Amino acid sequence: MRNSMLILLFLLGGVFLAQGQSIVGKWKTFDDKTGDAKSIVEISEKGGKYHGTVVEILNPAKKNSKCEQCPGEDKGKPIEGLTIIKNLTKKGEEYTGGSIIDPQSGKEYKCSIKTSGKTKLEVKGYIGISLIGRTQTWTKM
């Protein structure tokens, strides 16, 4: 009985640790050049696909910015409320297979995300192969 309880505790602990490594939630993004906090992106999951939406722009002067260079139906939409991460799927410890839009340039890149501890994400945008690209670190809100 005692061994069964210990096994159950270890299994439950593993479940909670695995849930702590999810990318779902609100994340603070940072400007690559200045290091200043830039926005809050909320990542959600629906049907096994992960999407990230800009829920807040932190610079009051840029609150009403629009994605003038974005492709397709996103062109001209306000950045606040824009879904910038689309269709990622979880593969092992990484989330891949989707895309990310840079709202400043309107460029769309392939995307992969990995957790780094419980409070950081490594978000990579790239063209072609993932070895060539740019990685940003986002922090949990």
Protein backbone atom coordinates (compact mmCIF):
# COMPACT_ATOMS: atom_id res chain seq x y z
CA MET A 1 0.00 0.00 0.00
CA ARG A 2 2.79 2.38 0.94
CA ASN A 3 4.65 1.68 -2.34
CA SER A 4 1.45 2.25 -4.32
CA MET A 5 0.99 5.66 -2.69
CA LEU A 6 4.59 6.64 -3.48
CA ILE A 7 4.21 5.58 -7.10
CA LEU A 8 0.95 7.55 -7.39
CA LEU A 9 2.65 10.66 -5.94
CA PHE A 10 5.55 10.40 -8.41
CA LEU A 11 3.15 9.97 -11.35
CA LEU A 12 1.04 12.95 -10.30
CA GLY A 13 4.19 15.02 -9.79
CA GLY A 14 5.32 14.14 -13.33
CA VAL A 15 1.98 15.25 -14.74
CA PHE A 16 2.22 18.62 -13.01
CA LEU A 17 5.82 19.12 -14.18
CA ALA A 18 4.85 18.31 -17.76
CA GLN A 19 2.02 20.84 -17.58
CA GLY A 20 4.47 23.47 -16.30
CA GLN A 21 6.42 23.16 -19.55
CA SER A 22 3.49 24.15 -21.78
CA ILE A 23 3.74 27.22 -24.00
CA VAL A 24 0.08 28.08 -23.34
CA GLY A 25 -0.30 31.38 -21.48
CA LYS A 26 0.73 35.02 -21.65
CA TRP A 27 4.31 35.91 -22.58
CA LYS A 28 6.20 39.21 -22.57
CA THR A 29 8.18 39.95 -25.74
CA PHE A 30 11.23 42.21 -26.00
CA ASP A 31 12.70 44.51 -28.63
CA ASP A 32 15.80 42.92 -30.20
CA LYS A 33 17.71 46.22 -30.38
CA THR A 34 16.83 47.96 -27.11
CA GLY A 35 15.85 45.03 -24.89
CA ASP A 36 12.75 46.96 -23.81
CA ALA A 37 9.51 45.07 -23.15
CA LYS A 38 7.46 45.31 -26.33
CA SER A 39 4.18 43.39 -26.08
CA ILE A 40 2.20 40.64 -24.43
CA VAL A 41 1.43 37.61 -26.60
CA GLU A 42 -1.11 35.04 -25.46
CA ILE A 43 -0.54 31.52 -26.78
CA SER A 44 -3.51 29.17 -26.83
CA GLU A 45 -4.22 25.66 -28.09
CA LYS A 46 -7.20 24.47 -30.06
CA GLY A 47 -7.46 21.06 -31.70
CA GLY A 48 -3.76 20.33 -31.23
CA LYS A 49 -2.67 23.58 -32.94
CA TYR A 50 -1.04 26.46 -31.08
CA HIS A 51 -1.62 30.11 -31.95
CA GLY A 52 -0.25 33.33 -30.48
CA THR A 53 -2.12 36.64 -30.43
CA VAL A 54 -0.79 40.07 -29.46
CA VAL A 55 -3.09 41.00 -26.58
CA GLU A 56 -1.28 44.18 -25.53
CA ILE A 57 1.28 46.60 -26.96
CA LEU A 58 3.27 48.03 -24.06
CA ASN A 59 4.52 51.24 -25.73
CA PRO A 60 1.61 53.74 -25.51
CA ALA A 61 2.87 55.55 -28.63
CA LYS A 62 2.46 52.34 -30.68
CA LYS A 63 -0.89 51.15 -29.25
CA ASN A 64 -2.78 51.92 -32.46
CA SER A 65 -0.15 50.55 -34.88
CA LYS A 66 -1.36 48.55 -37.85
CA CYS A 67 0.35 45.74 -39.73
CA GLU A 68 0.66 47.64 -43.01
CA GLN A 69 3.13 45.19 -44.56
CA CYS A 70 1.46 41.96 -43.42
CA PRO A 71 0.45 39.44 -46.09
CA GLY A 72 -3.11 38.49 -47.07
CA GLU A 73 -6.02 39.13 -44.76
CA ASP A 74 -3.76 40.47 -41.99
CA LYS A 75 -2.72 43.50 -44.08
CA GLY A 76 -3.81 46.74 -42.41
CA LYS A 77 -5.13 45.05 -39.24
CA PRO A 78 -4.28 46.51 -35.83
CA ILE A 79 -1.25 44.77 -34.32
CA GLU A 80 -3.00 44.60 -30.96
CA GLY A 81 -5.33 41.63 -31.48
CA LEU A 82 -3.34 40.20 -34.40
CA THR A 83 -2.57 36.47 -34.43
CA ILE A 84 1.16 36.39 -35.14
CA ILE A 85 1.84 32.70 -34.43
CA LYS A 86 -0.19 30.20 -36.40
CA ASN A 87 -0.58 26.41 -36.57
CA LEU A 88 2.27 25.15 -34.40
CA THR A 89 2.09 21.51 -33.33
CA LYS A 90 3.89 19.85 -30.44
CA LYS A 91 6.60 17.41 -31.48
CA GLY A 92 8.43 16.06 -28.46
CA GLU A 93 9.74 19.02 -26.46
CA GLU A 94 9.40 21.45 -29.37
CA TYR A 95 6.49 23.22 -31.06
CA THR A 96 6.99 23.44 -34.84
CA GLY A 97 5.36 23.34 -38.25
CA GLY A 98 3.70 26.73 -38.06
CA SER A 99 4.57 30.30 -38.86
CA ILE A 100 5.22 33.64 -37.18
CA ILE A 101 4.71 37.14 -38.59
CA ASP A 102 6.94 40.07 -37.69
CA PRO A 103 4.32 42.85 -37.49
CA GLN A 104 6.96 45.55 -38.00
CA SER A 105 8.18 44.25 -41.36
CA GLY A 106 5.17 42.12 -42.33
CA LYS A 107 7.49 39.22 -43.11
CA GLU A 108 6.31 35.70 -42.40
CA TYR A 109 8.74 33.03 -41.17
CA LYS A 110 8.63 29.38 -40.22
CA CYS A 111 8.50 29.10 -36.45
CA SER A 112 9.65 26.81 -33.68
CA ILE A 113 9.30 27.28 -29.94
CA LYS A 114 11.01 25.52 -27.04
CA THR A 115 10.54 26.08 -23.34
CA SER A 116 13.56 27.11 -21.32
CA GLY A 117 12.74 26.33 -17.73
CA LYS A 118 9.31 27.24 -16.43
CA THR A 119 9.40 30.95 -17.21
CA LYS A 120 11.05 31.37 -20.63
CA LEU A 121 10.36 30.53 -24.25
CA GLU A 122 12.91 30.40 -27.03
CA VAL A 123 10.94 31.60 -30.09
CA LYS A 124 12.73 31.11 -33.41
CA GLY A 125 11.72 32.54 -36.77
CA TYR A 126 13.56 31.25 -39.82
CA ILE A 127 13.54 30.81 -43.59
CA GLY A 128 14.44 27.41 -44.99
CA ILE A 129 16.25 25.45 -42.30
CA SER A 130 16.04 26.27 -38.60
CA LEU A 131 19.83 26.68 -38.28
CA ILE A 132 19.50 30.05 -40.01
CA GLY A 133 17.17 32.43 -38.27
CA ARG A 134 16.61 34.65 -35.27
CA THR A 135 15.69 33.55 -31.75
CA GLN A 136 13.98 35.70 -29.14
CA THR A 137 13.50 34.89 -25.48
CA TRP A 138 10.03 35.61 -24.12
CA THR A 139 9.20 35.54 -20.40
CA LYS A 140 6.11 34.18 -18.67
CA MET A 141 3.64 36.70 -17.29
